[in-house]
Protein backbone atom coordinates (compact mmCIF):
# COMPACT_ATOMS: atom_id res chain seq x y z
CA MET A 1 -63.95 -6.65 43.78
CA LYS A 2 -60.75 -5.06 45.09
CA LYS A 3 -57.49 -6.88 44.34
CA HIS A 4 -55.44 -7.27 47.47
CA LYS A 5 -51.88 -5.90 47.00
CA ILE A 6 -48.96 -7.89 48.40
CA LEU A 7 -45.37 -6.73 48.82
CA ILE A 8 -42.65 -9.37 48.78
CA ILE A 9 -39.33 -8.37 50.27
CA GLU A 10 -37.00 -11.32 49.64
CA ASP A 11 -33.40 -11.40 48.32
CA ASN A 12 -33.59 -14.96 47.03
CA ALA A 13 -34.62 -14.37 43.39
CA ASP A 14 -35.93 -17.87 42.73
CA LEU A 15 -38.17 -17.86 45.87
CA ARG A 16 -39.31 -14.29 45.32
CA GLU A 17 -40.26 -14.88 41.67
CA GLY A 18 -41.87 -18.15 42.49
CA LEU A 19 -44.07 -16.61 45.22
CA ALA A 20 -44.97 -13.68 43.02
CA PHE A 21 -45.99 -16.01 40.18
CA SER A 22 -48.08 -18.15 42.39
CA PHE A 23 -49.90 -15.32 44.18
CA SER A 24 -50.49 -13.38 40.99
CA GLY A 25 -52.09 -16.51 39.64
CA ASP A 26 -54.47 -16.45 42.58
CA GLY A 27 -55.58 -12.91 41.74
CA TYR A 28 -53.38 -10.85 44.02
CA GLU A 29 -51.45 -7.79 42.80
CA VAL A 30 -47.84 -8.44 43.66
CA THR A 31 -44.73 -6.14 43.93
CA GLU A 32 -41.30 -7.58 44.45
CA THR A 33 -38.25 -6.00 46.20
CA GLU A 34 -35.07 -7.49 47.50
CA THR A 35 -33.62 -4.99 49.96
CA LYS A 36 -34.67 -3.38 53.24
CA LYS A 37 -34.30 0.11 51.73
CA ASP A 38 -36.60 -0.63 48.76
CA GLY A 39 -39.05 -2.42 50.98
CA LEU A 40 -39.39 0.48 53.36
CA ARG A 41 -39.88 2.88 50.46
CA GLU A 42 -42.72 0.74 49.12
CA ILE A 43 -44.37 0.33 52.50
CA GLU A 44 -44.29 4.11 53.12
CA LYS A 45 -46.44 4.53 50.02
CA GLY A 46 -49.30 3.07 52.11
CA CYS A 47 -50.87 1.07 49.28
CA TYR A 48 -50.24 -2.51 50.29
CA ASP A 49 -52.49 -4.93 52.15
CA LEU A 50 -49.75 -7.33 53.42
CA VAL A 51 -45.99 -7.88 53.40
CA LEU A 52 -44.15 -11.11 52.98
CA LEU A 53 -40.75 -10.37 54.63
CA ASP A 54 -37.52 -12.32 54.57
CA CYS A 55 -35.65 -12.13 57.78
CA ASN A 56 -32.14 -11.79 56.23
CA LEU A 57 -31.68 -8.98 53.65
CA PRO A 58 -28.59 -7.65 51.93
CA ASP A 59 -28.80 -4.28 53.74
CA GLY A 60 -30.32 -5.24 57.12
CA THR A 61 -32.69 -7.56 58.77
CA GLY A 62 -36.41 -8.17 58.77
CA PHE A 63 -36.43 -7.49 62.49
CA GLU A 64 -35.10 -3.93 61.90
CA LEU A 65 -37.54 -3.31 59.09
CA CYS A 66 -40.45 -4.51 61.18
CA LYS A 67 -39.48 -2.32 64.14
CA GLU A 68 -39.38 0.76 61.96
CA VAL A 69 -42.64 0.01 60.15
CA ARG A 70 -44.50 -0.67 63.41
CA SER A 71 -43.71 2.88 64.61
CA TYR A 72 -46.20 4.17 62.03
CA SER A 73 -48.14 1.31 60.37
CA HIS A 74 -50.25 -1.72 61.27
CA ILE A 75 -49.78 -3.40 57.88
CA PRO A 76 -49.82 -7.14 58.32
CA ILE A 77 -46.44 -8.81 58.00
CA ILE A 78 -45.64 -12.47 57.55
CA MET A 79 -41.94 -13.18 58.15
CA LEU A 80 -40.26 -15.95 56.19
CA THR A 81 -36.98 -17.06 57.58
CA ALA A 82 -34.27 -19.73 57.46
CA ARG A 83 -33.85 -19.17 61.18
CA ASP A 84 -35.89 -21.69 63.23
CA THR A 85 -34.97 -20.87 66.78
CA GLU A 86 -37.66 -20.14 69.35
CA LEU A 87 -35.94 -16.95 70.39
CA ASP A 88 -36.07 -15.56 66.82
CA GLU A 89 -39.77 -16.43 66.59
CA ILE A 90 -40.47 -14.78 69.94
CA LYS A 91 -38.50 -11.65 68.85
CA ALA A 92 -40.43 -11.43 65.60
CA LEU A 93 -43.83 -11.72 67.32
CA GLU A 94 -42.85 -9.20 69.94
CA LEU A 95 -41.90 -6.73 67.21
CA GLY A 96 -45.38 -6.98 65.76
CA VAL A 97 -45.08 -9.66 63.05
CA ASN A 98 -48.54 -11.26 62.36
CA ASP A 99 -47.14 -14.68 61.49
CA TYR A 100 -43.89 -16.41 61.20
CA LEU A 101 -42.88 -19.36 58.93
CA SER A 102 -39.53 -21.17 58.83
CA LYS A 103 -38.07 -22.16 55.53
CA PRO A 104 -38.73 -24.54 53.86
CA PHE A 105 -42.42 -23.98 54.25
CA SER A 106 -45.57 -25.30 52.64
CA LEU A 107 -46.96 -22.89 49.97
CA GLY A 108 -50.46 -24.10 50.83
CA VAL A 109 -50.00 -23.22 54.54
CA LEU A 110 -48.59 -19.82 53.62
CA LYS A 111 -51.60 -19.09 51.38
CA ALA A 112 -54.02 -20.15 54.05
CA ARG A 113 -52.40 -18.01 56.72
CA LEU A 114 -52.17 -15.04 54.38
CA LYS A 115 -55.91 -15.39 53.50
CA ARG A 116 -56.84 -15.52 57.20
CA ILE A 117 -54.82 -12.39 58.02
CA LEU A 118 -56.36 -10.42 55.20
CA GLN A 119 -59.83 -11.44 56.30
CA GLU A 120 -59.09 -10.26 59.81
CA LYS A 121 -57.61 -7.08 58.54
CA SER A 122 -60.65 -6.07 56.48
CA GLU A 123 -62.70 -6.22 59.69
CA THR A 124 -60.36 -3.93 61.72
CA ALA A 125 -58.89 -1.60 59.20
CA LYS A 126 -60.88 1.51 60.04
CA LEU A 127 -60.62 3.26 63.41
CA VAL A 128 -63.43 5.65 64.24
CA THR A 129 -63.31 8.14 67.10
CA GLY A 130 -65.83 11.03 67.19
CA ALA A 131 -65.77 12.85 63.82
CA LEU A 132 -62.45 11.28 62.84
CA THR A 133 -61.91 8.06 60.80
CA ILE A 134 -58.45 6.61 60.46
CA ASP A 135 -57.88 4.17 57.64
CA ARG A 136 -55.01 2.07 58.72
CA ASP A 137 -54.84 0.41 55.36
CA THR A 138 -53.94 3.65 53.57
CA CYS A 139 -52.63 5.69 56.55
CA LYS A 140 -55.28 8.36 55.67
CA VAL A 141 -57.40 10.39 58.07
CA TYR A 142 -60.84 11.82 57.49
CA LYS A 143 -62.79 14.40 59.49
CA ARG A 144 -66.54 14.22 58.83
CA GLY A 145 -65.77 12.47 55.52
CA GLU A 146 -63.19 15.01 54.34
CA GLU A 147 -59.54 13.90 54.10
CA ILE A 148 -57.05 15.66 56.35
CA SER A 149 -53.52 15.94 54.99
CA LEU A 150 -51.08 14.71 57.71
CA SER A 151 -47.31 14.11 57.53
CA LYS A 152 -46.08 10.61 58.39
CA LEU A 153 -44.91 11.90 61.77
CA GLU A 154 -48.30 13.60 62.47
CA TYR A 155 -50.12 10.42 61.52
CA ARG A 156 -47.96 8.35 63.88
CA LEU A 157 -48.52 10.90 66.66
CA LEU A 158 -52.29 10.84 66.17
CA LEU A 159 -52.50 7.05 66.02
CA TYR A 160 -50.38 6.69 69.22
CA LEU A 161 -52.65 9.10 71.07
CA ILE A 162 -55.85 7.47 69.90
CA GLU A 163 -54.64 3.91 70.68
CA ASN A 164 -53.95 5.12 74.25
CA LYS A 165 -57.19 7.10 74.54
CA ASN A 166 -58.12 8.30 78.07
CA HIS A 167 -54.62 7.55 79.32
CA ILE A 168 -52.11 10.33 80.01
CA LEU A 169 -48.93 10.10 77.92
CA SER A 170 -45.89 11.90 79.11
CA LYS A 171 -43.63 13.80 76.75
CA GLU A 172 -40.93 11.19 77.40
CA GLN A 173 -43.31 8.47 76.40
CA ILE A 174 -44.23 10.24 73.23
CA LEU A 175 -40.62 11.01 72.31
CA ALA A 176 -39.60 7.44 72.88
CA LYS A 177 -42.39 6.09 70.72
CA ILE A 178 -42.48 8.58 67.86
CA TRP A 179 -39.05 10.02 67.58
CA ASP A 180 -36.55 7.67 69.16
CA SER A 181 -37.43 4.99 66.64
CA ASP A 182 -35.97 7.29 63.98
CA GLY A 183 -32.70 7.75 65.89
CA LYS A 184 -33.02 11.50 65.52
CA TYR A 185 -32.04 14.17 68.06
CA VAL A 186 -34.96 16.24 69.33
CA ASP A 187 -35.20 18.94 71.91
CA ASN A 188 -37.68 19.42 74.69
CA ASN A 189 -40.07 21.51 72.65
CA THR A 190 -40.53 18.90 69.87
CA VAL A 191 -43.56 17.24 71.35
CA SER A 192 -45.48 20.39 72.20
CA VAL A 193 -44.69 21.92 68.74
CA ASN A 194 -45.97 18.87 66.94
CA ILE A 195 -49.05 18.50 69.22
CA SER A 196 -49.86 22.09 68.35
CA ARG A 197 -49.53 21.42 64.58
CA LEU A 198 -51.71 18.36 64.87
CA ARG A 199 -54.41 20.26 66.76
CA THR A 200 -54.57 22.88 64.00
CA LYS A 201 -55.49 20.15 61.53
CA ILE A 202 -57.94 18.06 63.53
CA GLU A 203 -59.54 20.29 66.18
CA ASP A 204 -62.54 22.57 65.60
CA ASP A 205 -61.27 25.11 68.13
CA ILE A 206 -57.56 24.90 68.83
CA SER A 207 -57.91 27.34 71.80
CA ASN A 208 -60.29 24.84 73.42
CA PRO A 209 -59.29 21.45 72.01
CA SER A 210 -61.82 18.65 72.26
CA TRP A 211 -59.62 15.65 71.65
CA ILE A 212 -55.97 16.35 72.46
CA LYS A 213 -56.00 17.69 76.08
CA THR A 214 -52.99 19.02 77.91
CA VAL A 215 -52.56 17.69 81.48
CA HIS A 216 -50.22 20.24 83.00
CA GLY A 217 -47.10 18.88 84.49
CA MET A 218 -47.85 15.38 83.19
CA GLY A 219 -48.36 15.30 79.41
CA TYR A 220 -51.22 14.77 76.98
CA ILE A 221 -54.35 12.74 76.76
CA TRP A 222 -56.76 11.80 73.97
CA LYS A 223 -60.35 12.21 75.20
CA GLU A 224 -62.88 9.96 73.59
CA LEU A 225 -65.96 12.01 72.69
């Protein structure tokens, strides 16, 4: 049976080590980090099933980390925070946090919520559309069973198109979702260039694409086959 892998991002050493000890004793595989930078590096590896995230970190906030992660990953996140205001909880949930606990919290309640989220995750991890299968646990993409090598940016672009299937997305919408989250300058050709690169990897015939259709003057649309 697969061991679930949990990443703890918490700068309080006593709490972090206590959680790691307890969850390891329950059979989980646990990795500990204490900064936003290290946490992001671990999440980008794509090998974790859930993140326990402290709101206040030495080099940033859990809110910032969650916003960045949600631009390319659906990994479940439980935020642990000393903040207990309603506005903070609303902000966390709007950013895509799966659950939110204020410190001090019950370890038993945390374990129950984590178990529930992992159960739900196992039921929705794979996204299938036509000949493509997207494993959101590992951020890997397969075409007719064969893995396709995509960059992180290409994966995010593909997932955004699929999640908005049969809806036209303008270049501006795609730029705002995929690139603006990185805070990088891009020119007007960025979207079309990357759409073209993605097509070469997933389409059978790039001159007559089946999935990523261009809607002239409007943008792009993912057509469900």
